[in-house]
Amino acid sequence: MKKSVRLSLIIVAAVAAISTTVAASTFIQSNEKLPELERAARLQNLSVIAVNNKDYALACKSQTEAEKALFRANLRSDDVLGMLDKSSSELCSKAAKVIASK
């Protein structure tokens, strides 16, 4: 009887330790993503401002950097990265056309 109680307590302690470790690891990973997500948001905003000012070269550059920041944040949303890649391609091709027309 005492052995089964002792074994149960050891199992409960082990599960508690593992779950605490997993929770801490998840929290650390989330905190590491935050600066890259903030950077991507700022770059995305810069891209919008650049398009409004018809500065497509700057928009292309900021959109490409935003894409890199989201990739470094290790997003698992392929649709978000896909949309950003498409926007980046469109802006960069528009920038190339504007530069070529000069």
PDB file of N, CA and C in Angstrom:
ATOM      1  N   MET A   1       0.832  -1.195   0.000  1.00  0.00           N
ATOM      2  CA  MET A   1       0.000   0.000   0.000  1.00  0.00           C
ATOM      3  C   MET A   1       0.870   1.250   0.000  1.00  0.00           C
ATOM      4  N   LYS A   2       1.891   1.288   0.886  1.00  0.00           N
ATOM      5  CA  LYS A   2       2.749   2.459   0.952  1.00  0.00           C
ATOM      6  C   LYS A   2       3.535   2.637  -0.339  1.00  0.00           C
ATOM      7  N   LYS A   3       3.918   1.516  -0.967  1.00  0.00           N
ATOM      8  CA  LYS A   3       4.663   1.604  -2.217  1.00  0.00           C
ATOM      9  C   LYS A   3       3.811   2.209  -3.325  1.00  0.00           C
ATOM     10  N   SER A   4       2.539   1.851  -3.379  1.00  0.00           N
ATOM     11  CA  SER A   4       1.661   2.390  -4.423  1.00  0.00           C
ATOM     12  C   SER A   4       1.389   3.881  -4.193  1.00  0.00           C
ATOM     13  N   VAL A   5       1.283   4.287  -2.935  1.00  0.00           N
ATOM     14  CA  VAL A   5       1.104   5.707  -2.626  1.00  0.00           C
ATOM     15  C   VAL A   5       2.359   6.483  -3.009  1.00  0.00           C
ATOM     16  N   ARG A   6       3.499   5.915  -2.647  1.00  0.00           N
ATOM     17  CA  ARG A   6       4.777   6.555  -2.979  1.00  0.00           C
ATOM     18  C   ARG A   6       4.942   6.657  -4.503  1.00  0.00           C
ATOM     19  N   LEU A   7       4.609   5.579  -5.215  1.00  0.00           N
ATOM     20  CA  LEU A   7       4.700   5.577  -6.671  1.00  0.00           C
ATOM     21  C   LEU A   7       3.754   6.612  -7.277  1.00  0.00           C
ATOM     22  N   SER A   8       2.558   6.709  -6.735  1.00  0.00           N
ATOM     23  CA  SER A   8       1.589   7.700  -7.222  1.00  0.00           C
ATOM     24  C   SER A   8       2.111   9.117  -7.019  1.00  0.00           C
ATOM     25  N   LEU A   9       2.703   9.371  -5.853  1.00  0.00           N
ATOM     26  CA  LEU A   9       3.255  10.702  -5.589  1.00  0.00           C
ATOM     27  C   LEU A   9       4.418  11.026  -6.526  1.00  0.00           C
ATOM     28  N   ILE A  10       5.243  10.032  -6.806  1.00  0.00           N
ATOM     29  CA  ILE A  10       6.360  10.238  -7.733  1.00  0.00           C
ATOM     30  C   ILE A  10       5.839  10.540  -9.128  1.00  0.00           C
ATOM     31  N   ILE A  11       4.821   9.809  -9.557  1.00  0.00           N
ATOM     32  CA  ILE A  11       4.241  10.038 -10.890  1.00  0.00           C
ATOM     33  C   ILE A  11       3.620  11.430 -10.964  1.00  0.00           C
ATOM     34  N   VAL A  12       2.876  11.819  -9.935  1.00  0.00           N
ATOM     35  CA  VAL A  12       2.262  13.160  -9.909  1.00  0.00           C
ATOM     36  C   VAL A  12       3.339  14.237  -9.946  1.00  0.00           C
ATOM     37  N   ALA A  13       4.405  14.056  -9.188  1.00  0.00           N
ATOM     38  CA  ALA A  13       5.498  15.034  -9.171  1.00  0.00           C
ATOM     39  C   ALA A  13       6.183  15.108 -10.531  1.00  0.00           C
ATOM     40  N   ALA A  14       6.373  13.967 -11.168  1.00  0.00           N
ATOM     41  CA  ALA A  14       7.009  13.944 -12.486  1.00  0.00           C
ATOM     42  C   ALA A  14       6.141  14.643 -13.526  1.00  0.00           C
ATOM     43  N   VAL A  15       4.851  14.372 -13.502  1.00  0.00           N
ATOM     44  CA  VAL A  15       3.931  15.019 -14.446  1.00  0.00           C
ATOM     45  C   VAL A  15       3.908  16.526 -14.211  1.00  0.00           C
ATOM     46  N   ALA A  16       3.901  16.934 -12.958  1.00  0.00           N
ATOM     47  CA  ALA A  16       3.912  18.366 -12.640  1.00  0.00           C
ATOM     48  C   ALA A  16       5.194  19.019 -13.131  1.00  0.00           C
ATOM     49  N   ALA A  17       6.318  18.355 -12.952  1.00  0.00           N
ATOM     50  CA  ALA A  17       7.600  18.910 -13.399  1.00  0.00           C
ATOM     51  C   ALA A  17       7.649  19.011 -14.918  1.00  0.00           C
ATOM     52  N   ILE A  18       7.161  17.980 -15.595  1.00  0.00           N
ATOM     53  CA  ILE A  18       7.165  17.994 -17.070  1.00  0.00           C
ATOM     54  C   ILE A  18       6.244  19.081 -17.595  1.00  0.00           C
ATOM     55  N   SER A  19       5.048  19.195 -17.034  1.00  0.00           N
ATOM     56  CA  SER A  19       4.109  20.207 -17.527  1.00  0.00           C
ATOM     57  C   SER A  19       4.619  21.618 -17.263  1.00  0.00           C
ATOM     58  N   THR A  20       5.291  21.825 -16.134  1.00  0.00           N
ATOM     59  CA  THR A  20       5.877  23.133 -15.836  1.00  0.00           C
ATOM     60  C   THR A  20       6.977  23.460 -16.833  1.00  0.00           C
ATOM     61  N   THR A  21       7.794  22.470 -17.149  1.00  0.00           N
ATOM     62  CA  THR A  21       8.873  22.671 -18.115  1.00  0.00           C
ATOM     63  C   THR A  21       8.316  23.006 -19.498  1.00  0.00           C
ATOM     64  N   VAL A  22       7.287  22.284 -19.912  1.00  0.00           N
ATOM     65  CA  VAL A  22       6.669  22.536 -21.215  1.00  0.00           C
ATOM     66  C   VAL A  22       6.043  23.925 -21.247  1.00  0.00           C
ATOM     67  N   ALA A  23       5.364  24.321 -20.194  1.00  0.00           N
ATOM     68  CA  ALA A  23       4.751  25.647 -20.127  1.00  0.00           C
ATOM     69  C   ALA A  23       5.809  26.741 -20.176  1.00  0.00           C
ATOM     70  N   ALA A  24       6.898  26.556 -19.458  1.00  0.00           N
ATOM     71  CA  ALA A  24       7.983  27.542 -19.466  1.00  0.00           C
ATOM     72  C   ALA A  24       8.618  27.640 -20.842  1.00  0.00           C
ATOM     73  N   SER A  25       8.811  26.512 -21.488  1.00  0.00           N
ATOM     74  CA  SER A  25       9.398  26.490 -22.826  1.00  0.00           C
ATOM     75  C   SER A  25       8.495  27.207 -23.825  1.00  0.00           C
ATOM     76  N   THR A  26       7.202  26.963 -23.745  1.00  0.00           N
ATOM     77  CA  THR A  26       6.242  27.624 -24.635  1.00  0.00           C
ATOM     78  C   THR A  26       6.248  29.133 -24.404  1.00  0.00           C
ATOM     79  N   PHE A  27       6.304  29.541 -23.139  1.00  0.00           N
ATOM     80  CA  PHE A  27       6.343  30.966 -22.813  1.00  0.00           C
ATOM     81  C   PHE A  27       7.597  31.621 -23.376  1.00  0.00           C
ATOM     82  N   ILE A  28       8.735  30.965 -23.233  1.00  0.00           N
ATOM     83  CA  ILE A  28       9.997  31.516 -23.744  1.00  0.00           C
ATOM     84  C   ILE A  28       9.951  31.633 -25.261  1.00  0.00           C
ATOM     85  N   GLN A  29       9.438  30.613 -25.928  1.00  0.00           N
ATOM     86  CA  GLN A  29       9.335  30.667 -27.389  1.00  0.00           C
ATOM     87  C   GLN A  29       8.405  31.795 -27.827  1.00  0.00           C
ATOM     88  N   SER A  30       7.312  31.996 -27.113  1.00  0.00           N
ATOM     89  CA  SER A  30       6.376  33.068 -27.453  1.00  0.00           C
ATOM     90  C   SER A  30       7.033  34.433 -27.275  1.00  0.00           C
ATOM     91  N   ASN A  31       7.798  34.602 -26.201  1.00  0.00           N
ATOM     92  CA  ASN A  31       8.483  35.869 -25.966  1.00  0.00           C
ATOM     93  C   ASN A  31       9.564  36.128 -27.000  1.00  0.00           C
ATOM     94  N   GLU A  32      10.185  35.085 -27.519  1.00  0.00           N
ATOM     95  CA  GLU A  32      11.195  35.257 -28.553  1.00  0.00           C
ATOM     96  C   GLU A  32      10.569  35.687 -29.875  1.00  0.00           C
ATOM     97  N   LYS A  33       9.331  35.291 -30.117  1.00  0.00           N
ATOM     98  CA  LYS A  33       8.644  35.649 -31.359  1.00  0.00           C
ATOM     99  C   LYS A  33       8.177  37.098 -31.353  1.00  0.00           C
ATOM    100  N   LEU A  34       7.890  37.631 -30.191  1.00  0.00           N
ATOM    101  CA  LEU A  34       7.285  38.950 -30.079  1.00  0.00           C
ATOM    102  C   LEU A  34       8.081  40.056 -30.776  1.00  0.00           C
ATOM    103  N   PRO A  35       9.402  40.187 -30.571  1.00  0.00           N
ATOM    104  CA  PRO A  35      10.130  41.265 -31.260  1.00  0.00           C
ATOM    105  C   PRO A  35      10.061  41.159 -32.780  1.00  0.00           C
ATOM    106  N   GLU A  36      10.110  39.944 -33.303  1.00  0.00           N
ATOM    107  CA  GLU A  36      10.030  39.769 -34.756  1.00  0.00           C
ATOM    108  C   GLU A  36       8.637  40.120 -35.276  1.00  0.00           C
ATOM    109  N   LEU A  37       7.611  39.780 -34.512  1.00  0.00           N
ATOM    110  CA  LEU A  37       6.250  40.132 -34.924  1.00  0.00           C
ATOM    111  C   LEU A  37       6.039  41.645 -34.881  1.00  0.00           C
ATOM    112  N   GLU A  38       6.591  42.292 -33.858  1.00  0.00           N
ATOM    113  CA  GLU A  38       6.507  43.752 -33.780  1.00  0.00           C
ATOM    114  C   GLU A  38       7.251  44.396 -34.951  1.00  0.00           C
ATOM    115  N   ARG A  39       8.417  43.859 -35.264  1.00  0.00           N
ATOM    116  CA  ARG A  39       9.211  44.378 -36.382  1.00  0.00           C
ATOM    117  C   ARG A  39       8.441  44.219 -37.690  1.00  0.00           C
ATOM    118  N   ALA A  40       7.812  43.069 -37.876  1.00  0.00           N
ATOM    119  CA  ALA A  40       7.033  42.835 -39.091  1.00  0.00           C
ATOM    120  C   ALA A  40       5.868  43.817 -39.195  1.00  0.00           C
ATOM    121  N   ALA A  41       5.214  44.098 -38.080  1.00  0.00           N
ATOM    122  CA  ALA A  41       4.093  45.047 -38.096  1.00  0.00           C
ATOM    123  C   ALA A  41       4.566  46.453 -38.459  1.00  0.00           C
ATOM    124  N   ARG A  42       5.710  46.875 -37.896  1.00  0.00           N
ATOM    125  CA  ARG A  42       6.244  48.205 -38.224  1.00  0.00           C
ATOM    126  C   ARG A  42       6.642  48.283 -39.698  1.00  0.00           C
ATOM    127  N   LEU A  43       7.265  47.227 -40.194  1.00  0.00           N
ATOM    128  CA  LEU A  43       7.670  47.213 -41.603  1.00  0.00           C
ATOM    129  C   LEU A  43       6.458  47.194 -42.529  1.00  0.00           C
ATOM    130  N   GLN A  44       5.432  46.488 -42.127  1.00  0.00           N
ATOM    131  CA  GLN A  44       4.199  46.449 -42.917  1.00  0.00           C
ATOM    132  C   GLN A  44       3.585  47.847 -42.983  1.00  0.00           C
ATOM    133  N   ASN A  45       3.600  48.564 -41.863  1.00  0.00           N
ATOM    134  CA  ASN A  45       3.087  49.925 -41.823  1.00  0.00           C
ATOM    135  C   ASN A  45       3.918  50.846 -42.723  1.00  0.00           C
ATOM    136  N   LEU A  46       5.231  50.684 -42.668  1.00  0.00           N
ATOM    137  CA  LEU A  46       6.111  51.464 -43.540  1.00  0.00           C
ATOM    138  C   LEU A  46       5.803  51.179 -45.001  1.00  0.00           C
ATOM    139  N   SER A  47       5.508  49.955 -45.311  1.00  0.00           N
ATOM    140  CA  SER A  47       5.168  49.575 -46.678  1.00  0.00           C
ATOM    141  C   SER A  47       3.898  50.284 -47.150  1.00  0.00           C
ATOM    142  N   VAL A  48       2.903  50.351 -46.293  1.00  0.00           N
ATOM    143  CA  VAL A  48       1.646  51.043 -46.640  1.00  0.00           C
ATOM    144  C   VAL A  48       1.911  52.528 -46.867  1.00  0.00           C
ATOM    145  N   ILE A  49       2.693  53.132 -45.991  1.00  0.00           N
ATOM    146  CA  ILE A  49       3.029  54.556 -46.145  1.00  0.00           C
ATOM    147  C   ILE A  49       3.780  54.784 -47.448  1.00  0.00           C
ATOM    148  N   ALA A  50       4.710  53.896 -47.759  1.00  0.00           N
ATOM    149  CA  ALA A  50       5.495  54.027 -48.991  1.00  0.00           C
ATOM    150  C   ALA A  50       4.603  53.914 -50.223  1.00  0.00           C
ATOM    151  N   VAL A  51       3.647  53.010 -50.218  1.00  0.00           N
ATOM    152  CA  VAL A  51       2.723  52.876 -51.361  1.00  0.00           C
ATOM    153  C   VAL A  51       1.888  54.142 -51.496  1.00  0.00           C
ATOM    154  N   ASN A  52       1.423  54.688 -50.376  1.00  0.00           N
ATOM    155  CA  ASN A  52       0.642  55.932 -50.431  1.00  0.00           C
ATOM    156  C   ASN A  52       1.457  57.088 -51.003  1.00  0.00           C
ATOM    157  N   ASN A  53       2.773  57.056 -50.768  1.00  0.00           N
ATOM    158  CA  ASN A  53       3.657  58.092 -51.302  1.00  0.00           C
ATOM    159  C   ASN A  53       4.232  57.716 -52.670  1.00  0.00           C
ATOM    160  N   LYS A  54       3.756  56.599 -53.202  1.00  0.00           N
ATOM    161  CA  LYS A  54       4.197  56.085 -54.509  1.00  0.00           C
ATOM    162  C   LYS A  54       5.703  55.799 -54.552  1.00  0.00           C
ATOM    163  N   ASP A  55       6.256  55.416 -53.429  1.00  0.00           N
ATOM    164  CA  ASP A  55       7.658  55.010 -53.346  1.00  0.00           C
ATOM    165  C   ASP A  55       7.685  53.483 -53.316  1.00  0.00           C
ATOM    166  N   TYR A  56       7.583  52.898 -54.501  1.00  0.00           N
ATOM    167  CA  TYR A  56       7.445  51.452 -54.589  1.00  0.00           C
ATOM    168  C   TYR A  56       8.734  50.712 -54.265  1.00  0.00           C
ATOM    169  N   ALA A  57       9.878  51.347 -54.458  1.00  0.00           N
ATOM    170  CA  ALA A  57      11.143  50.706 -54.099  1.00  0.00           C
ATOM    171  C   ALA A  57      11.223  50.506 -52.580  1.00  0.00           C
ATOM    172  N   LEU A  58      10.839  51.540 -51.832  1.00  0.00           N
ATOM    173  CA  LEU A  58      10.827  51.425 -50.377  1.00  0.00           C
ATOM    174  C   LEU A  58       9.772  50.417 -49.925  1.00  0.00           C
ATOM    175  N   ALA A  59       8.622  50.432 -50.584  1.00  0.00           N
ATOM    176  CA  ALA A  59       7.560  49.478 -50.242  1.00  0.00           C
ATOM    177  C   ALA A  59       8.029  48.047 -50.474  1.00  0.00           C
ATOM    178  N   CYS A  60       8.727  47.833 -51.576  1.00  0.00           N
ATOM    179  CA  CYS A  60       9.263  46.502 -51.882  1.00  0.00           C
ATOM    180  C   CYS A  60      10.247  46.063 -50.807  1.00  0.00           C
ATOM    181  N   LYS A  61      11.165  46.950 -50.463  1.00  0.00           N
ATOM    182  CA  LYS A  61      12.190  46.629 -49.461  1.00  0.00           C
ATOM    183  C   LYS A  61      11.557  46.333 -48.092  1.00  0.00           C
ATOM    184  N   SER A  62      10.633  47.180 -47.660  1.00  0.00           N
ATOM    185  CA  SER A  62      10.022  46.982 -46.342  1.00  0.00           C
ATOM    186  C   SER A  62       9.145  45.728 -46.321  1.00  0.00           C
ATOM    187  N   GLN A  63       8.479  45.443 -47.420  1.00  0.00           N
ATOM    188  CA  GLN A  63       7.636  44.246 -47.485  1.00  0.00           C
ATOM    189  C   GLN A  63       8.502  42.975 -47.444  1.00  0.00           C
ATOM    190  N   THR A  64       9.630  43.021 -48.136  1.00  0.00           N
ATOM    191  CA  THR A  64      10.549  41.883 -48.128  1.00  0.00           C
ATOM    192  C   THR A  64      11.130  41.660 -46.733  1.00  0.00           C
ATOM    193  N   GLU A  65      11.481  42.751 -46.054  1.00  0.00           N
ATOM    194  CA  GLU A  65      12.009  42.635 -44.688  1.00  0.00           C
ATOM    195  C   GLU A  65      10.930  42.142 -43.720  1.00  0.00           C
ATOM    196  N   ALA A  66       9.682  42.557 -43.924  1.00  0.00           N
ATOM    197  CA  ALA A  66       8.575  42.079 -43.076  1.00  0.00           C
ATOM    198  C   ALA A  66       8.396  40.573 -43.261  1.00  0.00           C
ATOM    199  N   GLU A  67       8.541  40.121 -44.486  1.00  0.00           N
ATOM    200  CA  GLU A  67       8.436  38.692 -44.778  1.00  0.00           C
ATOM    201  C   GLU A  67       9.541  37.915 -44.048  1.00  0.00           C
ATOM    202  N   LYS A  68      10.754  38.457 -44.070  1.00  0.00           N
ATOM    203  CA  LYS A  68      11.874  37.804 -43.379  1.00  0.00           C
ATOM    204  C   LYS A  68      11.634  37.767 -41.870  1.00  0.00           C
ATOM    205  N   ALA A  69      11.081  38.855 -41.329  1.00  0.00           N
ATOM    206  CA  ALA A  69      10.818  38.910 -39.885  1.00  0.00           C
ATOM    207  C   ALA A  69       9.776  37.866 -39.484  1.00  0.00           C
ATOM    208  N   LEU A  70       8.734  37.715 -40.283  1.00  0.00           N
ATOM    209  CA  LEU A  70       7.724  36.706 -39.973  1.00  0.00           C
ATOM    210  C   LEU A  70       8.288  35.298 -40.113  1.00  0.00           C
ATOM    211  N   PHE A  71       9.181  35.109 -41.061  1.00  0.00           N
ATOM    212  CA  PHE A  71       9.812  33.804 -41.215  1.00  0.00           C
ATOM    213  C   PHE A  71      10.678  33.490 -39.997  1.00  0.00           C
ATOM    214  N   ARG A  72      11.414  34.509 -39.502  1.00  0.00           N
ATOM    215  CA  ARG A  72      12.243  34.313 -38.311  1.00  0.00           C
ATOM    216  C   ARG A  72      11.393  34.068 -37.063  1.00  0.00           C
ATOM    217  N   ALA A  73      10.178  34.597 -37.049  1.00  0.00           N
ATOM    218  CA  ALA A  73       9.275  34.363 -35.911  1.00  0.00           C
ATOM    219  C   ALA A  73       8.727  32.940 -35.929  1.00  0.00           C
ATOM    220  N   ASN A  74       9.044  32.211 -36.979  1.00  0.00           N
ATOM    221  CA  ASN A  74       8.663  30.805 -37.108  1.00  0.00           C
ATOM    222  C   ASN A  74       7.146  30.635 -37.076  1.00  0.00           C
ATOM    223  N   LEU A  75       6.470  31.437 -37.892  1.00  0.00           N
ATOM    224  CA  LEU A  75       5.020  31.303 -37.995  1.00  0.00           C
ATOM    225  C   LEU A  75       4.675  29.993 -38.670  1.00  0.00           C
ATOM    226  N   ARG A  76       3.619  29.403 -38.228  1.00  0.00           N
ATOM    227  CA  ARG A  76       3.179  28.158 -38.846  1.00  0.00           C
ATOM    228  C   ARG A  76       2.034  28.391 -39.812  1.00  0.00           C
ATOM    229  N   SER A  77       1.665  29.641 -40.013  1.00  0.00           N
ATOM    230  CA  SER A  77       0.550  29.980 -40.895  1.00  0.00           C
ATOM    231  C   SER A  77       1.075  30.200 -42.308  1.00  0.00           C
ATOM    232  N   ASP A  78       0.972  29.177 -43.124  1.00  0.00           N
ATOM    233  CA  ASP A  78       1.454  29.290 -44.500  1.00  0.00           C
ATOM    234  C   ASP A  78       0.662  30.323 -45.288  1.00  0.00           C
ATOM    235  N   ASP A  79      -0.628  30.512 -44.944  1.00  0.00           N
ATOM    236  CA  ASP A  79      -1.437  31.476 -45.678  1.00  0.00           C
ATOM    237  C   ASP A  79      -0.938  32.901 -45.460  1.00  0.00           C
ATOM    238  N   VAL A  80      -0.498  33.212 -44.243  1.00  0.00           N
ATOM    239  CA  VAL A  80       0.015  34.559 -43.953  1.00  0.00           C
ATOM    240  C   VAL A  80       1.316  34.791 -44.718  1.00  0.00           C
ATOM    241  N   LEU A  81       2.219  33.832 -44.648  1.00  0.00           N
ATOM    242  CA  LEU A  81       3.483  33.961 -45.373  1.00  0.00           C
ATOM    243  C   LEU A  81       3.243  34.005 -46.875  1.00  0.00           C
ATOM    244  N   GLY A  82       2.276  33.235 -47.355  1.00  0.00           N
ATOM    245  CA  GLY A  82       1.943  33.241 -48.780  1.00  0.00           C
ATOM    246  C   GLY A  82       1.409  34.591 -49.241  1.00  0.00           C
ATOM    247  N   MET A  83       0.522  35.172 -48.427  1.00  0.00           N
ATOM    248  CA  MET A  83      -0.022  36.493 -48.776  1.00  0.00           C
ATOM    249  C   MET A  83       1.074  37.541 -48.781  1.00  0.00           C
ATOM    250  N   LEU A  84       1.949  37.484 -47.811  1.00  0.00           N
ATOM    251  CA  LEU A  84       3.037  38.446 -47.723  1.00  0.00           C
ATOM    252  C   LEU A  84       3.995  38.288 -48.895  1.00  0.00           C
ATOM    253  N   ASP A  85       4.271  37.053 -49.285  1.00  0.00           N
ATOM    254  CA  ASP A  85       5.143  36.791 -50.428  1.00  0.00           C
ATOM    255  C   ASP A  85       4.517  37.331 -51.712  1.00  0.00           C
ATOM    256  N   LYS A  86       3.212  37.138 -51.874  1.00  0.00           N
ATOM    257  CA  LYS A  86       2.512  37.634 -53.060  1.00  0.00           C
ATOM    258  C   LYS A  86       2.547  39.160 -53.095  1.00  0.00           C
ATOM    259  N   SER A  87       2.277  39.793 -51.953  1.00  0.00           N
ATOM    260  CA  SER A  87       2.314  41.255 -51.885  1.00  0.00           C
ATOM    261  C   SER A  87       3.709  41.776 -52.187  1.00  0.00           C
ATOM    262  N   SER A  88       4.707  41.100 -51.649  1.00  0.00           N
ATOM    263  CA  SER A  88       6.089  41.500 -51.876  1.00  0.00           C
ATOM    264  C   SER A  88       6.432  41.400 -53.353  1.00  0.00           C
ATOM    265  N   SER A  89       6.027  40.319 -53.992  1.00  0.00           N
ATOM    266  CA  SER A  89       6.293  40.138 -55.422  1.00  0.00           C
ATOM    267  C   SER A  89       5.620  41.230 -56.258  1.00  0.00           C
ATOM    268  N   GLU A  90       4.376  41.538 -55.920  1.00  0.00           N
ATOM    269  CA  GLU A  90       3.652  42.572 -56.665  1.00  0.00           C
ATOM    270  C   GLU A  90       4.302  43.942 -56.496  1.00  0.00           C
ATOM    271  N   LEU A  91       4.664  44.273 -55.265  1.00  0.00           N
ATOM    272  CA  LEU A  91       5.297  45.572 -55.023  1.00  0.00           C
ATOM    273  C   LEU A  91       6.653  45.668 -55.701  1.00  0.00           C
ATOM    274  N   CYS A  92       7.425  44.604 -55.656  1.00  0.00           N
ATOM    275  CA  CYS A  92       8.754  44.630 -56.264  1.00  0.00           C
ATOM    276  C   CYS A  92       8.670  44.701 -57.782  1.00  0.00           C
ATOM    277  N   SER A  93       7.677  44.035 -58.369  1.00  0.00           N
ATOM    278  CA  SER A  93       7.527  44.133 -59.829  1.00  0.00           C
ATOM    279  C   SER A  93       7.058  45.534 -60.223  1.00  0.00           C
ATOM    280  N   LYS A  94       6.206  46.136 -59.402  1.00  0.00           N
ATOM    281  CA  LYS A  94       5.764  47.506 -59.672  1.00  0.00           C
ATOM    282  C   LYS A  94       6.937  48.475 -59.524  1.00  0.00           C
ATOM    283  N   ALA A  95       7.770  48.242 -58.513  1.00  0.00           N
ATOM    284  CA  ALA A  95       8.966  49.089 -58.330  1.00  0.00           C
ATOM    285  C   ALA A  95       9.899  48.958 -59.511  1.00  0.00           C
ATOM    286  N   ALA A  96      10.059  47.743 -60.028  1.00  0.00           N
ATOM    287  CA  ALA A  96      10.938  47.531 -61.184  1.00  0.00           C
ATOM    288  C   ALA A  96      10.385  48.249 -62.412  1.00  0.00           C
ATOM    289  N   LYS A  97       9.066  48.246 -62.590  1.00  0.00           N
ATOM    290  CA  LYS A  97       8.456  48.942 -63.730  1.00  0.00           C
ATOM    291  C   LYS A  97       8.657  50.454 -63.603  1.00  0.00           C
ATOM    292  N   VAL A  98       8.497  50.983 -62.405  1.00  0.00           N
ATOM    293  CA  VAL A  98       8.674  52.424 -62.200  1.00  0.00           C
ATOM    294  C   VAL A  98      10.123  52.816 -62.458  1.00  0.00           C
ATOM    295  N   ILE A  99      11.053  52.011 -61.979  1.00  0.00           N
ATOM    296  CA  ILE A  99      12.476  52.305 -62.182  1.00  0.00           C
ATOM    297  C   ILE A  99      12.818  52.200 -63.660  1.00  0.00           C
ATOM    298  N   ALA A 100      12.258  51.213 -64.358  1.00  0.00           N
ATOM    299  CA  ALA A 100      12.549  51.020 -65.782  1.00  0.00           C
ATOM    300  C   ALA A 100      11.984  52.153 -66.633  1.00  0.00           C
ATOM    301  N   SER A 101      10.876  52.749 -66.173  1.00  0.00           N
ATOM    302  CA  SER A 101      10.261  53.822 -66.957  1.00  0.00           C
ATOM    303  C   SER A 101      10.978  55.154 -66.810  1.00  0.00           C
ATOM    304  N   LYS A 102      11.897  55.254 -65.867  1.00  0.00           N
ATOM    305  CA  LYS A 102      12.616  56.511 -65.637  1.00  0.00           C
ATOM    306  C   LYS A 102      13.749  56.680 -66.597  1.00  0.00           C
TER     307      LYS A 102
END
